[in-house]
Amino acid sequence: MTLFRGSSPQIWGFVASTLWRRLRGRLRVGPVYRWRFTGRTPERVLIAPPDLRLADPQIAMEIYHGRFPFAGRLVDTHGQSPFTINVNDSAWNSALHGFRWLRHMRAAETDLAAANARALVRDWINVHGRKINGVAWMPAITARRIIAWLQHSAVVLQGADYPFYRLFLKSLAIQIRYLRAVAQEMSPGEEKLRARIALAFAALSLPTPPSTLRAASRQLAIELDAQILPDGGHVSRNPEAVLELLADLLPLRQTYFNQAEHPPEALIGAVERMLPALRFFRHRDGTLARFNGMGATSHDRIASILHHDDTAGAPLLHAPHSGYERLVMGNTTVIADTGVAPPPELSHCAQAGCLSFEMSSGRSHFIVNCGVDTYGADDFRPLARSTAAHSALTLNDTSSARFILGKELARIVGAPLIDGPRHVHCQRLDSEGIQGFVARHDGYAARFGLYHERELALSANGDVLEGIDRVNRKDGEVAKANGRDRVTARFHLHPDVQLFENGRGHFVLQGAEESWEFSCEELAPQAEESLFFAGLGGPRRSHQIVLTYAASDHPEIHWRLKRL
């Protein structure tokens, strides 16, 4: 699979805008020393907002014994403070300094857990609270820490003496002032919205002038309007962003009510749109479809969020603003990516999976995308983002979008997706007894002059999924036989599915409770190995069904998945 290094004007324009935004951020805060953000210390915490994230008292016990299980990695500090040791794992460090693990101390409901929480907060203040630098003060991590300290202030302050109480509030106030100064220059996306959420939490939870709450609510509303789409999706097109933001927005909405303050209309509207959107991306087993950065998900975690969804009824079938389609008949669910690539500044997790789809039946997954190993090695990320890691179609072993892979550029701007499909036309084809759509994208037009069109139709009882893939030129003419029309259509199988050939040139996909047959009219499918990155325990071996052909020979192929 060829992954292109970027060198287009679009890339350099993005690099320039990123550097300019960072420069404005530095100018806004000046020398980032602690004294610049000192000021009046709040007298008390008025309210501890709720936390909807799942908590485990056993993790509190592990932390007490110096074992910190964060971001898929267990670090034993051997009695040292975790804030003084050097751990070469950015995800682990982000989780440590984000303090969301305080919820486990709260769940333990013991004086020992409260004392340990207080000791760890004191350690952080002593080690990192006196000078603003390093990973501990990255704005995104600071926002998560502010939310966590407020939500779990009761357990941190349980049994605290007056000096620690004042130390805690003084550090919290400094962090809030710092975040308020840098939030405006944060990169667009989920973390900037979370910063606005953190500042709204702070204005509600601490004694502040009414003008501070009004300003925080106004900035929050601006960011919600910019990032939450009319169909409830997030501008990054990542289903996980919807889940993570709801875990903060729902408690924030409740905190407004608890403080007898009216939430901004943008907050109310965003939550009411996002809850159905979360259900839109959910398969019947409770997991979210693996698109644009989505990895493994916990059923219980999603259920805890959807417990607050009072918008009864079936999920939407059409999410035109987010760029997804959903087909549901009987026990069968199909979710497909039919959207354009997000802008580079929002695409650090985006994948080249245009027109890919996932299919599940009941609680079993059959056709999947490979997903992302959230806490795994970075080496796998480019592969997981490629078109070949999706149940989609590739041309000439290239992805339908490009990524910045050069180390020099990546150090400055990360790894955004660029030059992906810019026009995707999608039309629903629902009729009596059938749900379907046809969509066409131009991700290969600039390089090969060819367009991919996919048509899916799910029968009334959900027993048959019919697919048609077309690859042709813009005017519908057949591709030229010039050696640049080699097509590979991939159908990745979930690791729990076994694959057999039935002797008629068809494949049988055997799940835990039922089986499906895959067939193609024009071609003999082949079986190859695959990797499923989004397993709860990390990557797992799996299989994929592959159709390889020349578009000049087969401008249109027909394939079918039929329940046996």
Protein backbone atom coordinates (compact mmCIF):
# COMPACT_ATOMS: atom_id res chain seq x y z
CA MET A 1 0.00 0.00 0.00
CA THR A 2 1.55 3.29 -1.10
CA LEU A 3 1.24 6.15 1.38
CA PHE A 4 2.27 9.49 -0.09
CA ARG A 5 4.47 12.06 1.55
CA GLY A 6 2.99 15.50 1.28
CA SER A 7 4.61 18.30 -0.67
CA SER A 8 1.64 20.18 -2.13
CA PRO A 9 0.85 23.88 -1.53
CA GLN A 10 -2.04 22.71 0.63
CA ILE A 11 0.41 21.08 3.04
CA TRP A 12 2.70 24.05 3.29
CA GLY A 13 -0.25 26.36 3.78
CA PHE A 14 -1.40 24.14 6.63
CA VAL A 15 2.09 24.13 8.16
CA ALA A 16 2.26 27.92 7.96
CA SER A 17 -1.16 28.39 9.58
CA THR A 18 -0.22 25.95 12.36
CA LEU A 19 3.02 27.78 13.14
CA TRP A 20 1.27 31.15 13.06
CA ARG A 21 -1.42 29.93 15.47
CA ARG A 22 1.26 28.68 17.88
CA LEU A 23 3.08 32.00 17.68
CA ARG A 24 -0.14 33.88 18.49
CA GLY A 25 -0.63 31.55 21.43
CA ARG A 26 2.83 32.34 22.80
CA LEU A 27 2.28 36.07 22.31
CA ARG A 28 -1.06 35.81 24.07
CA VAL A 29 0.37 34.30 27.25
CA GLY A 30 3.89 35.71 27.10
CA PRO A 31 6.51 33.94 29.24
CA VAL A 32 4.45 31.11 30.71
CA TYR A 33 5.53 31.37 34.32
CA ARG A 34 3.25 30.57 37.19
CA TRP A 35 3.28 34.11 38.62
CA ARG A 36 1.67 35.47 35.44
CA PHE A 37 -1.57 33.70 36.33
CA THR A 38 -1.67 34.29 40.06
CA GLY A 39 -4.57 36.22 41.48
CA ARG A 40 -7.43 35.88 43.87
CA THR A 41 -7.84 32.36 45.26
CA PRO A 42 -11.45 31.06 45.37
CA GLU A 43 -12.77 30.51 48.87
CA ARG A 44 -14.37 27.14 48.20
CA VAL A 45 -15.76 24.73 45.64
CA LEU A 46 -19.48 25.39 45.33
CA ILE A 47 -20.40 22.12 43.60
CA ALA A 48 -18.67 18.98 42.39
CA PRO A 49 -20.04 18.17 38.91
CA PRO A 50 -21.00 14.54 38.22
CA ASP A 51 -18.76 12.19 36.24
CA LEU A 52 -20.38 9.65 33.89
CA ARG A 53 -17.22 7.71 33.12
CA LEU A 54 -17.07 4.20 34.55
CA ALA A 55 -15.06 3.77 37.74
CA ASP A 56 -13.37 0.71 39.25
CA PRO A 57 -12.40 0.62 42.96
CA GLN A 58 -9.81 -2.06 42.15
CA ILE A 59 -7.84 0.47 40.11
CA ALA A 60 -7.76 2.72 43.18
CA MET A 61 -6.11 -0.13 45.07
CA GLU A 62 -3.57 -0.65 42.27
CA ILE A 63 -2.68 3.04 42.39
CA TYR A 64 -2.30 2.88 46.17
CA HIS A 65 0.33 0.16 45.69
CA GLY A 66 2.21 2.26 43.13
CA ARG A 67 0.89 0.57 39.99
CA PHE A 68 -0.64 2.95 37.48
CA PRO A 69 -2.66 1.19 34.71
CA PHE A 70 -3.25 4.00 32.21
CA ALA A 71 -3.68 4.04 28.43
CA GLY A 72 -3.20 0.30 28.02
CA ARG A 73 0.07 0.22 29.98
CA LEU A 74 0.86 -0.67 33.60
CA VAL A 75 3.71 1.29 35.20
CA ASP A 76 5.05 0.28 38.61
CA THR A 77 6.65 3.29 40.32
CA HIS A 78 8.16 1.18 43.15
CA GLY A 79 7.14 3.70 45.76
CA GLN A 80 8.20 6.82 43.86
CA SER A 81 5.84 9.59 42.87
CA PRO A 82 4.58 8.97 39.31
CA PHE A 83 5.25 12.65 38.60
CA THR A 84 8.99 12.29 39.14
CA ILE A 85 9.70 9.23 36.99
CA ASN A 86 10.42 9.24 33.26
CA VAL A 87 8.00 7.10 31.24
CA ASN A 88 8.49 7.18 27.48
CA ASP A 89 4.83 6.83 26.58
CA SER A 90 2.89 9.95 25.57
CA ALA A 91 -0.54 8.35 26.03
CA TRP A 92 0.35 7.15 29.54
CA ASN A 93 1.72 10.57 30.50
CA SER A 94 -1.35 12.31 29.12
CA ALA A 95 -3.62 10.06 31.18
CA LEU A 96 -1.49 10.57 34.31
CA HIS A 97 -1.56 14.38 34.12
CA GLY A 98 -5.21 14.43 33.04
CA PHE A 99 -6.28 13.01 36.46
CA ARG A 100 -9.42 11.30 35.18
CA TRP A 101 -8.31 8.34 37.29
CA LEU A 102 -9.49 10.23 40.39
CA ARG A 103 -12.90 8.71 39.71
CA HIS A 104 -11.58 5.34 40.83
CA MET A 105 -10.65 6.84 44.21
CA ARG A 106 -14.13 8.25 44.53
CA ALA A 107 -15.63 4.86 43.71
CA ALA A 108 -13.52 3.20 46.43
CA GLU A 109 -15.34 5.30 49.08
CA THR A 110 -12.60 4.86 51.69
CA ASP A 111 -10.52 7.26 53.76
CA LEU A 112 -7.42 5.51 52.42
CA ALA A 113 -8.37 6.26 48.79
CA ALA A 114 -9.16 9.88 49.67
CA ALA A 115 -5.80 10.30 51.42
CA ASN A 116 -4.01 8.77 48.43
CA ALA A 117 -5.85 11.08 46.01
CA ARG A 118 -4.88 14.06 48.15
CA ALA A 119 -1.24 12.95 48.30
CA LEU A 120 -1.03 12.54 44.51
CA VAL A 121 -2.59 15.94 43.87
CA ARG A 122 -0.09 17.48 46.31
CA ASP A 123 2.74 15.69 44.48
CA TRP A 124 1.62 17.13 41.16
CA ILE A 125 1.42 20.66 42.57
CA ASN A 126 4.89 20.38 44.11
CA VAL A 127 6.51 18.87 40.98
CA HIS A 128 4.66 20.56 38.11
CA GLY A 129 2.56 23.33 39.58
CA ARG A 130 5.29 25.90 40.11
CA LYS A 131 6.33 26.46 36.49
CA ILE A 132 4.16 26.13 33.42
CA ASN A 133 5.95 23.90 30.91
CA GLY A 134 6.08 20.38 29.55
CA VAL A 135 3.39 17.82 28.86
CA ALA A 136 1.66 18.53 32.17
CA TRP A 137 0.67 21.99 30.94
CA MET A 138 -0.39 21.17 27.42
CA PRO A 139 -3.76 22.96 27.04
CA ALA A 140 -5.70 19.80 26.20
CA ILE A 141 -4.34 17.98 29.26
CA THR A 142 -4.88 21.04 31.46
CA ALA A 143 -8.54 21.12 30.40
CA ARG A 144 -9.05 17.46 31.34
CA ARG A 145 -7.28 18.00 34.67
CA ILE A 146 -9.45 21.00 35.56
CA ILE A 147 -12.60 18.99 34.87
CA ALA A 148 -11.32 16.02 36.88
CA TRP A 149 -10.22 18.13 39.87
CA LEU A 150 -13.62 19.82 39.98
CA GLN A 151 -15.60 16.61 39.52
CA HIS A 152 -13.66 14.80 42.24
CA SER A 153 -12.90 17.70 44.55
CA ALA A 154 -14.98 16.02 47.24
CA VAL A 155 -12.69 12.99 47.47
CA VAL A 156 -9.50 15.08 47.11
CA LEU A 157 -10.57 17.46 49.89
CA GLN A 158 -12.05 14.79 52.15
CA GLY A 159 -10.25 15.14 55.48
CA ALA A 160 -7.94 17.84 54.12
CA ASP A 161 -6.46 20.47 56.41
CA TYR A 162 -6.86 24.17 55.66
CA PRO A 163 -3.38 24.68 54.08
CA PHE A 164 -3.96 21.91 51.54
CA TYR A 165 -7.47 23.21 50.85
CA ARG A 166 -6.01 26.61 49.97
CA LEU A 167 -3.13 25.05 48.00
CA PHE A 168 -5.59 23.02 45.91
CA LEU A 169 -7.82 26.01 45.14
CA LYS A 170 -4.86 28.26 44.35
CA SER A 171 -3.40 25.77 41.87
CA LEU A 172 -6.82 25.21 40.31
CA ALA A 173 -7.30 28.96 39.85
CA ILE A 174 -3.89 29.30 38.16
CA GLN A 175 -4.71 26.48 35.76
CA ILE A 176 -8.07 28.04 34.92
CA ARG A 177 -6.51 31.45 34.19
CA TYR A 178 -3.83 29.81 32.05
CA LEU A 179 -6.38 27.80 30.07
CA ARG A 180 -8.52 30.89 29.58
CA ALA A 181 -5.48 32.65 28.08
CA VAL A 182 -4.48 29.88 25.66
CA ALA A 183 -7.87 28.42 24.67
CA GLN A 184 -8.45 30.87 21.85
CA GLU A 185 -5.29 29.77 20.04
CA MET A 186 -5.78 26.02 20.43
CA SER A 187 -6.09 23.98 17.25
CA PRO A 188 -9.68 23.60 16.05
CA GLY A 189 -11.30 20.37 17.14
CA GLU A 190 -12.40 18.27 20.07
CA GLU A 191 -9.75 19.46 22.54
CA LYS A 192 -10.56 23.12 21.98
CA LEU A 193 -14.21 22.37 22.68
CA ARG A 194 -13.19 20.48 25.83
CA ALA A 195 -11.24 23.54 26.97
CA ARG A 196 -14.41 25.60 26.67
CA ILE A 197 -16.28 22.90 28.60
CA ALA A 198 -13.65 23.03 31.36
CA LEU A 199 -13.94 26.82 31.65
CA ALA A 200 -17.74 26.56 31.86
CA PHE A 201 -17.40 23.93 34.60
CA ALA A 202 -15.04 26.26 36.47
CA ALA A 203 -17.38 29.24 36.22
CA LEU A 204 -20.23 27.13 37.63
CA SER A 205 -18.28 25.27 40.32
CA LEU A 206 -16.29 28.15 41.85
CA PRO A 207 -17.38 31.57 43.15
CA THR A 208 -17.09 33.79 40.08
CA PRO A 209 -18.73 37.02 38.91
CA PRO A 210 -21.80 36.60 36.68
CA SER A 211 -19.83 38.13 33.82
CA THR A 212 -17.34 35.25 33.96
CA LEU A 213 -20.11 32.67 33.60
CA ARG A 214 -21.71 34.63 30.77
CA ALA A 215 -18.40 34.81 28.91
CA ALA A 216 -17.70 31.09 29.43
CA SER A 217 -21.20 30.17 28.25
CA ARG A 218 -20.89 32.40 25.19
CA GLN A 219 -17.54 30.91 24.15
CA LEU A 220 -18.86 27.41 24.76
CA ALA A 221 -21.86 28.10 22.53
CA ILE A 222 -19.63 29.43 19.74
CA GLU A 223 -17.49 26.30 19.81
CA LEU A 224 -20.48 23.95 19.94
CA ASP A 225 -22.05 25.64 16.94
CA ALA A 226 -18.76 25.32 15.06
CA GLN A 227 -18.06 21.67 15.89
CA ILE A 228 -21.36 19.81 16.37
CA LEU A 229 -23.06 19.22 13.03
CA PRO A 230 -26.80 19.47 12.44
CA ASP A 231 -27.11 15.65 12.44
CA GLY A 232 -25.24 15.40 15.76
CA GLY A 233 -21.90 14.23 14.42
CA HIS A 234 -18.58 15.91 15.12
CA VAL A 235 -16.70 17.83 12.43
CA SER A 236 -13.79 15.37 12.68
CA ARG A 237 -16.20 12.59 11.56
CA ASN A 238 -14.86 10.38 14.36
CA PRO A 239 -17.64 8.50 16.22
CA GLU A 240 -15.43 8.39 19.32
CA ALA A 241 -15.45 12.19 19.50
CA VAL A 242 -19.24 12.08 19.95
CA LEU A 243 -18.89 9.57 22.79
CA GLU A 244 -16.08 11.45 24.57
CA LEU A 245 -17.70 14.86 24.29
CA LEU A 246 -21.05 13.60 25.53
CA ALA A 247 -19.28 12.25 28.63
CA ASP A 248 -18.38 15.88 29.42
CA LEU A 249 -21.39 17.74 28.00
CA LEU A 250 -24.05 15.73 29.85
CA PRO A 251 -22.53 16.47 33.30
CA LEU A 252 -22.06 20.11 32.27
CA ARG A 253 -25.73 20.40 31.34
CA GLN A 254 -26.67 18.89 34.71
CA THR A 255 -24.34 21.28 36.52
CA TYR A 256 -26.08 24.27 34.94
CA PHE A 257 -29.40 22.95 36.22
CA ASN A 258 -27.99 22.16 39.67
CA GLN A 259 -26.75 25.73 39.97
CA ALA A 260 -30.14 27.11 38.85
CA GLU A 261 -28.54 28.49 35.70
CA HIS A 262 -30.07 28.08 32.27
CA PRO A 263 -27.71 26.18 29.93
CA PRO A 264 -26.89 27.84 26.63
CA GLU A 265 -29.32 26.85 23.92
CA ALA A 266 -26.35 25.61 21.90
CA LEU A 267 -25.54 23.14 24.69
CA ILE A 268 -29.09 21.84 24.92
CA GLY A 269 -29.36 21.50 21.15
CA ALA A 270 -25.96 19.84 20.78
CA VAL A 271 -26.72 17.16 23.38
CA GLU A 272 -30.14 16.47 21.87
CA ARG A 273 -28.51 15.94 18.46
CA MET A 274 -25.47 14.00 19.66
CA LEU A 275 -27.34 11.31 21.58
CA PRO A 276 -29.21 10.05 18.47
CA ALA A 277 -25.94 10.35 16.53
CA LEU A 278 -24.22 8.05 19.02
CA ARG A 279 -26.99 5.52 18.49
CA PHE A 280 -26.61 5.96 14.73
CA PHE A 281 -23.01 4.66 14.92
CA ARG A 282 -23.84 1.78 17.26
CA HIS A 283 -24.16 -1.83 16.17
CA ARG A 284 -26.64 -4.08 17.95
CA ASP A 285 -23.94 -5.48 20.24
CA GLY A 286 -23.35 -1.99 21.61
CA THR A 287 -20.01 -1.21 19.90
CA LEU A 288 -19.44 1.75 17.63
CA ALA A 289 -18.60 1.42 13.95
CA ARG A 290 -14.88 1.72 13.20
CA PHE A 291 -14.50 4.83 11.08
CA ASN A 292 -12.06 7.76 11.16
CA GLY A 293 -10.13 6.94 14.31
CA MET A 294 -12.60 4.73 16.17
CA GLY A 295 -10.99 1.85 18.05
CA ALA A 296 -12.27 -0.59 20.64
CA THR A 297 -15.27 0.45 22.72
CA SER A 298 -16.77 -0.77 25.95
CA HIS A 299 -20.45 -1.74 25.84
CA ASP A 300 -20.98 -0.54 29.40
CA ARG A 301 -19.40 2.82 28.71
CA ILE A 302 -21.69 3.55 25.78
CA ALA A 303 -24.69 2.28 27.73
CA SER A 304 -23.89 4.67 30.60
CA ILE A 305 -24.07 7.60 28.16
CA LEU A 306 -27.19 6.41 26.33
CA HIS A 307 -28.93 5.97 29.69
CA HIS A 308 -29.46 9.73 29.47
CA ASP A 309 -31.02 9.54 25.99
CA ASP A 310 -34.72 10.27 26.26
CA THR A 311 -35.16 10.62 22.47
CA ALA A 312 -37.03 7.34 22.10
CA GLY A 313 -37.26 5.61 18.75
CA ALA A 314 -34.99 4.06 16.13
CA PRO A 315 -31.74 5.83 15.17
CA LEU A 316 -31.65 7.98 12.05
CA LEU A 317 -30.75 6.20 8.81
CA HIS A 318 -29.18 9.17 7.07
CA ALA A 319 -26.47 11.48 8.47
CA PRO A 320 -25.75 13.75 5.49
CA HIS A 321 -23.72 16.36 7.37
CA SER A 322 -21.46 13.79 9.02
CA GLY A 323 -21.32 11.77 5.78
CA TYR A 324 -22.64 8.36 6.82
CA GLU A 325 -25.47 6.02 5.84
CA ARG A 326 -27.19 3.34 7.92
CA LEU A 327 -29.24 0.41 6.61
CA VAL A 328 -31.29 -1.66 9.07
CA MET A 329 -33.54 -4.57 8.13
CA GLY A 330 -34.45 -7.40 10.47
CA ASN A 331 -31.41 -8.16 12.62
CA THR A 332 -28.93 -6.84 10.04
CA THR A 333 -27.19 -3.47 10.33
CA VAL A 334 -24.98 -1.84 7.70
CA ILE A 335 -23.12 1.43 8.38
CA ALA A 336 -21.17 3.11 5.57
CA ASP A 337 -18.85 6.09 5.15
CA THR A 338 -20.18 8.36 2.41
CA GLY A 339 -18.52 11.66 3.36
CA VAL A 340 -15.70 13.89 2.24
CA ALA A 341 -12.44 14.08 4.15
CA PRO A 342 -12.43 16.57 7.05
CA PRO A 343 -10.17 19.64 6.83
CA PRO A 344 -6.48 18.94 7.61
CA GLU A 345 -6.61 20.61 11.03
CA LEU A 346 -9.41 18.21 12.06
CA SER A 347 -8.08 15.09 10.38
CA HIS A 348 -5.29 13.81 12.62
CA CYS A 349 -7.32 10.66 13.27
CA ALA A 350 -9.19 10.59 9.94
CA GLN A 351 -8.86 7.57 7.67
CA ALA A 352 -8.95 7.02 3.92
CA GLY A 353 -12.07 4.88 4.14
CA CYS A 354 -14.51 6.60 1.80
CA LEU A 355 -17.33 4.20 0.74
CA SER A 356 -16.19 1.55 3.22
CA PHE A 357 -18.87 -0.23 5.24
CA GLU A 358 -19.44 -2.53 8.19
CA MET A 359 -22.13 -5.21 8.49
CA SER A 360 -23.36 -6.94 11.62
CA SER A 361 -26.19 -9.35 12.25
CA GLY A 362 -27.64 -9.53 15.72
CA ARG A 363 -24.74 -9.30 18.14
CA SER A 364 -22.18 -10.68 15.67
CA HIS A 365 -19.97 -8.62 13.37
CA PHE A 366 -19.17 -10.03 9.93
CA ILE A 367 -17.75 -7.30 7.66
CA VAL A 368 -15.66 -4.69 9.49
CA ASN A 369 -13.02 -2.05 9.06
CA CYS A 370 -9.74 -2.83 10.80
CA GLY A 371 -10.13 0.10 13.19
CA VAL A 372 -7.37 1.61 15.33
CA ASP A 373 -5.28 0.17 18.14
CA THR A 374 -5.81 3.19 20.38
CA TYR A 375 -2.86 2.58 22.70
CA GLY A 376 -0.69 0.49 20.42
CA ALA A 377 2.53 1.23 18.59
CA ASP A 378 2.51 4.30 16.35
CA ASP A 379 4.00 2.20 13.56
CA PHE A 380 0.59 0.65 12.94
CA ARG A 381 -1.24 3.96 12.60
CA PRO A 382 -0.49 4.69 8.92
CA LEU A 383 -1.51 1.16 7.98
CA ALA A 384 -4.74 1.35 9.97
CA ARG A 385 -5.61 4.65 8.28
CA SER A 386 -5.04 3.38 4.73
CA THR A 387 -7.88 2.46 2.40
CA ALA A 388 -6.60 -1.12 2.35
CA ALA A 389 -7.48 -1.43 6.06
CA HIS A 390 -11.14 -0.78 5.23
CA SER A 391 -13.87 -2.79 3.57
CA ALA A 392 -13.53 -0.57 0.57
CA LEU A 393 -11.98 -0.44 -2.88
CA THR A 394 -8.44 0.66 -3.76
CA LEU A 395 -6.94 1.66 -7.09
CA ASN A 396 -3.37 0.68 -7.96
CA ASP A 397 -2.53 -0.10 -4.34
CA THR A 398 -2.95 3.51 -3.23
CA SER A 399 -5.21 5.10 -0.65
CA SER A 400 -8.03 7.43 -1.62
CA ALA A 401 -6.37 10.11 0.54
CA ARG A 402 -2.82 11.05 1.44
CA PHE A 403 -1.13 11.53 4.80
CA ILE A 404 1.78 13.60 6.01
CA LEU A 405 4.36 10.98 6.99
CA GLY A 406 7.65 12.89 6.99
CA LYS A 407 9.10 13.05 10.51
CA GLU A 408 10.06 16.70 10.18
CA LEU A 409 6.56 17.80 9.20
CA ALA A 410 4.88 15.38 11.60
CA ARG A 411 6.79 16.93 14.49
CA ILE A 412 5.24 20.29 13.59
CA VAL A 413 1.70 19.43 12.50
CA GLY A 414 1.13 15.76 13.37
CA ALA A 415 -0.22 13.46 10.66
CA PRO A 416 -3.27 15.08 9.07
CA LEU A 417 -5.10 13.61 6.13
CA ILE A 418 -4.82 15.64 2.94
CA ASP A 419 -6.02 15.43 -0.65
CA GLY A 420 -8.88 13.09 0.19
CA PRO A 421 -12.21 12.93 -1.64
CA ARG A 422 -13.56 16.45 -2.08
CA HIS A 423 -16.87 15.54 -3.66
CA VAL A 424 -19.00 12.60 -2.58
CA HIS A 425 -22.46 12.38 -4.06
CA CYS A 426 -24.84 10.12 -2.16
CA GLN A 427 -28.46 9.23 -2.83
CA ARG A 428 -30.77 7.02 -0.78
CA LEU A 429 -32.54 4.26 -2.71
CA ASP A 430 -35.11 3.18 -0.13
CA SER A 431 -38.23 1.52 -1.45
CA GLU A 432 -40.83 -0.86 -0.07
CA GLY A 433 -38.96 -3.81 1.36
CA ILE A 434 -35.45 -2.47 0.60
CA GLN A 435 -33.08 0.05 2.11
CA GLY A 436 -30.12 1.21 0.07
CA PHE A 437 -27.98 4.01 -1.30
CA VAL A 438 -25.59 4.78 -4.13
CA ALA A 439 -22.53 6.98 -3.55
CA ARG A 440 -19.63 8.14 -5.71
CA HIS A 441 -16.30 9.73 -4.71
CA ASP A 442 -13.45 11.47 -6.55
CA GLY A 443 -10.54 10.48 -4.31
CA TYR A 444 -8.72 8.87 -7.26
CA ALA A 445 -9.70 11.38 -9.93
CA ALA A 446 -6.64 13.63 -9.72
CA ARG A 447 -4.14 10.76 -9.88
CA PHE A 448 -5.83 8.25 -12.18
CA GLY A 449 -8.80 10.04 -13.73
CA LEU A 450 -11.16 7.41 -12.29
CA TYR A 451 -14.16 7.52 -9.95
CA HIS A 452 -15.50 4.87 -7.59
CA GLU A 453 -19.22 4.34 -7.18
CA ARG A 454 -20.71 1.87 -4.69
CA GLU A 455 -24.34 0.81 -4.47
CA LEU A 456 -25.67 -1.18 -1.51
CA ALA A 457 -29.16 -2.60 -1.02
CA LEU A 458 -30.40 -4.53 2.03
CA SER A 459 -33.47 -6.76 1.64
CA ALA A 460 -36.61 -6.41 3.74
CA ASN A 461 -35.83 -9.20 6.18
CA GLY A 462 -32.13 -8.38 6.27
CA ASP A 463 -31.14 -11.72 4.73
CA VAL A 464 -29.41 -10.36 1.61
CA LEU A 465 -26.99 -7.47 1.08
CA GLU A 466 -26.47 -6.74 -2.62
CA GLY A 467 -23.46 -4.67 -3.67
CA ILE A 468 -22.37 -3.12 -6.94
CA ASP A 469 -18.97 -1.47 -7.41
CA ARG A 470 -18.33 0.67 -10.46
CA VAL A 471 -15.00 2.22 -11.49
CA ASN A 472 -15.07 4.46 -14.53
CA ARG A 473 -14.13 7.85 -15.88
CA LYS A 474 -15.96 11.07 -15.04
CA ASP A 475 -18.28 10.86 -18.03
CA GLY A 476 -19.08 7.20 -17.34
CA GLU A 477 -16.75 5.86 -20.00
CA VAL A 478 -14.85 2.66 -19.38
CA ALA A 479 -11.35 3.04 -17.94
CA LYS A 480 -8.45 2.75 -20.35
CA ALA A 481 -6.36 -0.41 -20.22
CA ASN A 482 -3.17 1.48 -19.43
CA GLY A 483 -1.97 -0.46 -16.41
CA ARG A 484 -3.30 2.20 -14.05
CA ASP A 485 -6.74 0.68 -13.60
CA ARG A 486 -5.96 -2.20 -11.21
CA VAL A 487 -8.76 -2.52 -8.66
CA THR A 488 -8.74 -4.38 -5.35
CA ALA A 489 -11.99 -4.67 -3.40
CA ARG A 490 -11.53 -5.83 0.19
CA PHE A 491 -14.04 -7.19 2.68
CA HIS A 492 -12.38 -7.52 6.10
CA LEU A 493 -13.86 -10.09 8.46
CA HIS A 494 -14.21 -9.81 12.21
CA PRO A 495 -11.69 -12.08 14.00
CA ASP A 496 -14.54 -14.12 15.50
CA VAL A 497 -15.73 -15.10 12.01
CA GLN A 498 -14.41 -18.29 10.40
CA LEU A 499 -14.02 -18.46 6.62
CA PHE A 500 -14.64 -21.52 4.45
CA GLU A 501 -14.95 -22.18 0.73
CA ASN A 502 -18.07 -24.16 -0.15
CA GLY A 503 -16.84 -25.75 -3.39
CA ARG A 504 -18.92 -23.53 -5.69
CA GLY A 505 -16.45 -20.66 -5.70
CA HIS A 506 -18.32 -18.98 -2.84
CA PHE A 507 -17.13 -18.25 0.68
CA VAL A 508 -19.02 -19.07 3.87
CA LEU A 509 -18.63 -16.66 6.78
CA GLN A 510 -19.42 -18.60 9.93
CA GLY A 511 -20.24 -16.63 13.05
CA ALA A 512 -21.18 -17.72 16.55
CA GLU A 513 -24.89 -18.11 15.79
CA GLU A 514 -25.34 -17.86 12.03
CA SER A 515 -23.52 -18.00 8.68
CA TRP A 516 -23.46 -15.87 5.55
CA GLU A 517 -22.37 -16.67 2.00
CA PHE A 518 -20.27 -14.29 -0.09
CA SER A 519 -20.41 -14.56 -3.89
CA CYS A 520 -19.45 -12.46 -6.90
CA GLU A 521 -20.93 -12.85 -10.38
CA GLU A 522 -17.90 -11.78 -12.41
CA LEU A 523 -14.91 -12.88 -10.32
CA ALA A 524 -13.65 -15.66 -8.10
CA PRO A 525 -13.00 -14.21 -4.64
CA GLN A 526 -9.74 -14.94 -2.85
CA ALA A 527 -9.01 -15.24 0.86
CA GLU A 528 -6.10 -13.43 2.46
CA GLU A 529 -4.90 -12.72 5.97
CA SER A 530 -5.80 -9.47 7.70
CA LEU A 531 -5.30 -7.67 11.02
CA PHE A 532 -8.08 -6.34 13.21
CA PHE A 533 -6.50 -3.47 15.13
CA ALA A 534 -9.51 -2.54 17.28
CA GLY A 535 -9.59 -5.56 19.59
CA LEU A 536 -10.02 -4.86 23.31
CA GLY A 537 -6.77 -6.73 23.92
CA GLY A 538 -4.93 -5.22 20.96
CA PRO A 539 -4.54 -6.33 17.31
CA ARG A 540 -5.87 -9.76 16.33
CA ARG A 541 -5.34 -11.88 13.25
CA SER A 542 -8.30 -12.16 10.92
CA HIS A 543 -9.15 -12.75 7.26
CA GLN A 544 -10.33 -10.74 4.32
CA ILE A 545 -12.11 -11.57 1.08
CA VAL A 546 -10.39 -9.94 -1.89
CA LEU A 547 -11.55 -9.26 -5.44
CA THR A 548 -8.76 -8.17 -7.82
CA TYR A 549 -9.37 -7.08 -11.39
CA ALA A 550 -8.82 -4.40 -14.03
CA ALA A 551 -11.47 -1.71 -14.32
CA SER A 552 -11.08 -1.77 -18.09
CA ASP A 553 -12.17 -5.44 -18.06
CA HIS A 554 -14.90 -5.11 -15.43
CA PRO A 555 -16.32 -1.58 -15.19
CA GLU A 556 -18.97 -2.99 -12.86
CA ILE A 557 -18.95 -5.96 -10.49
CA HIS A 558 -21.83 -7.45 -8.52
CA TRP A 559 -21.37 -9.19 -5.19
CA ARG A 560 -23.75 -10.55 -2.61
CA LEU A 561 -23.83 -11.47 1.07
CA LYS A 562 -26.65 -13.91 1.83
CA ARG A 563 -27.68 -15.36 5.16
CA LEU A 564 -27.68 -19.17 5.14
